[in-house]
Amino acid sequence: MATPDPRDARITEQDARTAELEARLLSTSRNSSKPPSSDPPEPASQEVGADQPKARRPARPQGSQARAVATGEGE
């Protein structure tokens, strides 16, 4: 009868540890008692046009200029 190889026991231990660590990586605040702050950041949005800058609204007059335009003063 052959003697058991100590490396087999070590490999079995490492396989179990790997499975445990992979399971822990999959746990989030939604499926465990972890706080939301421990969740990894969410990936960036993949929406169409997400990489393009948003269109800016035209500037509008502010302060005394707006009042003068609205009342017709200063002409």
N, C-alpha and C. Protein backbone atom coordinates (compact mmCIF):
# COMPACT_ATOMS: atom_id res chain seq x y z
N MET A 1 0.84 -1.18 0.00
CA MET A 1 0.00 0.00 0.00
C MET A 1 0.89 1.24 0.00
N ALA A 2 0.54 2.23 -0.85
CA ALA A 2 1.35 3.44 -0.97
C ALA A 2 0.99 4.42 0.13
N THR A 3 1.97 5.17 0.57
CA THR A 3 1.74 6.17 1.61
C THR A 3 1.12 7.41 0.96
N PRO A 4 0.19 8.06 1.67
CA PRO A 4 -0.44 9.25 1.09
C PRO A 4 0.58 10.38 0.92
N ASP A 5 0.46 11.07 -0.18
CA ASP A 5 1.37 12.18 -0.48
C ASP A 5 0.90 13.41 0.31
N PRO A 6 1.78 14.04 1.08
CA PRO A 6 1.38 15.22 1.86
C PRO A 6 0.95 16.39 0.95
N ARG A 7 1.38 16.36 -0.28
CA ARG A 7 0.98 17.43 -1.20
C ARG A 7 -0.51 17.35 -1.54
N ASP A 8 -1.05 16.13 -1.55
CA ASP A 8 -2.49 15.97 -1.83
C ASP A 8 -3.33 16.67 -0.76
N ALA A 9 -2.94 16.52 0.50
CA ALA A 9 -3.67 17.17 1.59
C ALA A 9 -3.56 18.69 1.45
N ARG A 10 -2.39 19.16 1.10
CA ARG A 10 -2.17 20.61 0.93
C ARG A 10 -3.03 21.14 -0.22
N ILE A 11 -3.10 20.42 -1.31
CA ILE A 11 -3.91 20.84 -2.46
C ILE A 11 -5.39 20.88 -2.08
N THR A 12 -5.84 19.89 -1.32
CA THR A 12 -7.24 19.86 -0.88
C THR A 12 -7.55 21.06 0.01
N GLU A 13 -6.64 21.41 0.91
CA GLU A 13 -6.82 22.58 1.78
C GLU A 13 -6.88 23.86 0.96
N GLN A 14 -5.99 23.96 -0.02
CA GLN A 14 -5.96 25.18 -0.84
C GLN A 14 -7.21 25.29 -1.71
N ASP A 15 -7.71 24.18 -2.21
CA ASP A 15 -8.95 24.20 -2.99
C ASP A 15 -10.12 24.69 -2.14
N ALA A 16 -10.19 24.23 -0.90
CA ALA A 16 -11.27 24.65 -0.01
C ALA A 16 -11.15 26.15 0.30
N ARG A 17 -9.94 26.60 0.54
CA ARG A 17 -9.71 28.02 0.84
C ARG A 17 -10.07 28.89 -0.37
N THR A 18 -9.70 28.44 -1.56
CA THR A 18 -10.02 29.18 -2.78
C THR A 18 -11.53 29.31 -2.95
N ALA A 19 -12.25 28.22 -2.73
CA ALA A 19 -13.71 28.25 -2.85
C ALA A 19 -14.32 29.22 -1.84
N GLU A 20 -13.79 29.22 -0.61
CA GLU A 20 -14.31 30.13 0.42
C GLU A 20 -14.06 31.59 0.04
N LEU A 21 -12.86 31.88 -0.45
CA LEU A 21 -12.53 33.26 -0.82
C LEU A 21 -13.34 33.72 -2.02
N GLU A 22 -13.57 32.84 -2.99
CA GLU A 22 -14.39 33.21 -4.14
C GLU A 22 -15.83 33.51 -3.71
N ALA A 23 -16.34 32.74 -2.77
CA ALA A 23 -17.70 32.99 -2.27
C ALA A 23 -17.76 34.33 -1.55
N ARG A 24 -16.72 34.69 -0.82
CA ARG A 24 -16.70 35.98 -0.12
C ARG A 24 -16.63 37.14 -1.10
N LEU A 25 -15.93 36.94 -2.23
CA LEU A 25 -15.86 38.01 -3.22
C LEU A 25 -17.22 38.30 -3.83
N LEU A 26 -18.08 37.32 -3.91
CA LEU A 26 -19.40 37.49 -4.51
C LEU A 26 -20.42 38.10 -3.55
N SER A 27 -20.10 38.18 -2.27
CA SER A 27 -21.07 38.72 -1.32
C SER A 27 -21.04 40.25 -1.35
N THR A 28 -22.23 40.83 -1.36
CA THR A 28 -22.38 42.29 -1.34
C THR A 28 -23.35 42.65 -0.22
N SER A 29 -23.64 43.91 -0.08
CA SER A 29 -24.58 44.33 0.95
C SER A 29 -25.99 43.85 0.65
N ARG A 30 -26.26 43.50 -0.59
CA ARG A 30 -27.60 43.02 -0.95
C ARG A 30 -27.83 41.57 -0.54
N ASN A 31 -26.77 40.77 -0.46
CA ASN A 31 -26.96 39.36 -0.14
C ASN A 31 -26.21 38.92 1.12
N SER A 32 -25.87 39.89 1.96
CA SER A 32 -25.20 39.57 3.23
C SER A 32 -25.49 40.68 4.24
N SER A 33 -24.87 40.57 5.39
CA SER A 33 -25.08 41.60 6.42
C SER A 33 -24.04 42.71 6.34
N LYS A 34 -23.29 42.77 5.24
CA LYS A 34 -22.26 43.80 5.08
C LYS A 34 -22.90 45.16 4.83
N PRO A 35 -22.27 46.25 5.30
CA PRO A 35 -22.80 47.58 5.04
C PRO A 35 -22.59 47.97 3.57
N PRO A 36 -23.42 48.84 3.02
CA PRO A 36 -23.28 49.24 1.62
C PRO A 36 -21.92 49.88 1.30
N SER A 37 -21.30 50.52 2.28
CA SER A 37 -20.02 51.16 2.02
C SER A 37 -18.92 50.16 1.71
N SER A 38 -19.14 48.88 2.01
CA SER A 38 -18.12 47.87 1.71
C SER A 38 -18.25 47.31 0.30
N ASP A 39 -19.30 47.70 -0.43
CA ASP A 39 -19.47 47.24 -1.80
C ASP A 39 -18.42 47.88 -2.70
N PRO A 40 -17.98 47.16 -3.73
CA PRO A 40 -17.04 47.76 -4.68
C PRO A 40 -17.76 48.82 -5.51
N PRO A 41 -17.03 49.76 -6.08
CA PRO A 41 -17.68 50.78 -6.92
C PRO A 41 -18.34 50.12 -8.13
N GLU A 42 -19.47 50.68 -8.54
CA GLU A 42 -20.18 50.13 -9.69
C GLU A 42 -19.47 50.57 -10.96
N PRO A 43 -19.49 49.73 -11.99
CA PRO A 43 -18.84 50.11 -13.25
C PRO A 43 -19.55 51.30 -13.88
N ALA A 44 -18.83 52.01 -14.72
CA ALA A 44 -19.38 53.19 -15.39
C ALA A 44 -20.54 52.79 -16.28
N SER A 45 -21.45 53.70 -16.47
CA SER A 45 -22.64 53.46 -17.28
C SER A 45 -22.24 53.17 -18.73
N GLN A 46 -22.94 52.25 -19.35
CA GLN A 46 -22.67 51.90 -20.74
C GLN A 46 -23.77 52.42 -21.66
N GLU A 47 -24.42 53.51 -21.27
CA GLU A 47 -25.50 54.07 -22.07
C GLU A 47 -24.95 54.66 -23.36
N VAL A 48 -25.80 54.73 -24.37
CA VAL A 48 -25.41 55.31 -25.65
C VAL A 48 -25.13 56.79 -25.43
N GLY A 49 -23.99 57.25 -25.89
CA GLY A 49 -23.63 58.65 -25.76
C GLY A 49 -23.11 59.03 -24.38
N ALA A 50 -22.86 58.06 -23.52
CA ALA A 50 -22.40 58.37 -22.17
C ALA A 50 -21.01 59.00 -22.19
N ASP A 51 -20.23 58.74 -23.26
CA ASP A 51 -18.88 59.28 -23.31
C ASP A 51 -18.85 60.69 -23.91
N GLN A 52 -20.00 61.19 -24.37
CA GLN A 52 -20.06 62.52 -24.95
C GLN A 52 -20.51 63.53 -23.89
N PRO A 53 -19.95 64.74 -23.94
CA PRO A 53 -20.38 65.76 -22.96
C PRO A 53 -21.84 66.14 -23.19
N LYS A 54 -22.49 66.50 -22.13
CA LYS A 54 -23.90 66.90 -22.22
C LYS A 54 -23.99 68.31 -22.82
N ALA A 55 -25.08 68.54 -23.54
CA ALA A 55 -25.29 69.86 -24.14
C ALA A 55 -25.58 70.87 -23.04
N ARG A 56 -25.01 72.04 -23.17
CA ARG A 56 -25.21 73.08 -22.17
C ARG A 56 -26.36 73.97 -22.58
N ARG A 57 -27.09 74.43 -21.57
CA ARG A 57 -28.16 75.39 -21.83
C ARG A 57 -27.54 76.75 -22.10
N PRO A 58 -28.16 77.55 -22.95
CA PRO A 58 -27.60 78.89 -23.19
C PRO A 58 -27.69 79.73 -21.91
N ALA A 59 -26.70 80.57 -21.74
CA ALA A 59 -26.67 81.44 -20.56
C ALA A 59 -27.81 82.44 -20.64
N ARG A 60 -28.33 82.83 -19.51
CA ARG A 60 -29.39 83.83 -19.48
C ARG A 60 -28.89 85.02 -18.67
N PRO A 61 -29.37 86.18 -18.98
CA PRO A 61 -28.91 87.37 -18.24
C PRO A 61 -29.30 87.29 -16.76
N GLN A 62 -28.44 87.81 -15.93
CA GLN A 62 -28.71 87.75 -14.49
C GLN A 62 -28.70 89.16 -13.91
N GLY A 63 -29.30 89.27 -12.75
CA GLY A 63 -29.25 90.52 -11.99
C GLY A 63 -29.91 91.69 -12.69
N SER A 64 -29.25 92.86 -12.63
CA SER A 64 -29.85 94.08 -13.15
C SER A 64 -30.01 94.03 -14.66
N GLN A 65 -29.18 93.29 -15.35
CA GLN A 65 -29.31 93.18 -16.80
C GLN A 65 -30.64 92.50 -17.15
N ALA A 66 -31.00 91.49 -16.43
CA ALA A 66 -32.25 90.76 -16.71
C ALA A 66 -33.45 91.67 -16.46
N ARG A 67 -33.42 92.45 -15.41
CA ARG A 67 -34.53 93.35 -15.12
C ARG A 67 -34.63 94.43 -16.19
N ALA A 68 -33.52 94.96 -16.66
CA ALA A 68 -33.53 96.01 -17.67
C ALA A 68 -34.11 95.47 -18.98
N VAL A 69 -33.77 94.27 -19.35
CA VAL A 69 -34.29 93.67 -20.58
C VAL A 69 -35.78 93.41 -20.43
N ALA A 70 -36.20 92.91 -19.29
CA ALA A 70 -37.60 92.56 -19.08
C ALA A 70 -38.50 93.80 -19.04
N THR A 71 -38.01 94.90 -18.51
CA THR A 71 -38.85 96.11 -18.37
C THR A 71 -38.65 97.07 -19.53
N GLY A 72 -37.66 96.82 -20.40
CA GLY A 72 -37.41 97.71 -21.52
C GLY A 72 -36.58 98.92 -21.15
N GLU A 73 -35.99 98.95 -19.98
CA GLU A 73 -35.16 100.07 -19.55
C GLU A 73 -33.81 99.99 -20.23
N GLY A 74 -33.13 101.10 -20.28
CA GLY A 74 -31.79 101.16 -20.80
C GLY A 74 -31.71 101.25 -22.31
N GLU A 75 -32.82 101.55 -22.99
CA GLU A 75 -32.80 101.68 -24.42
C GLU A 75 -32.76 103.12 -24.82
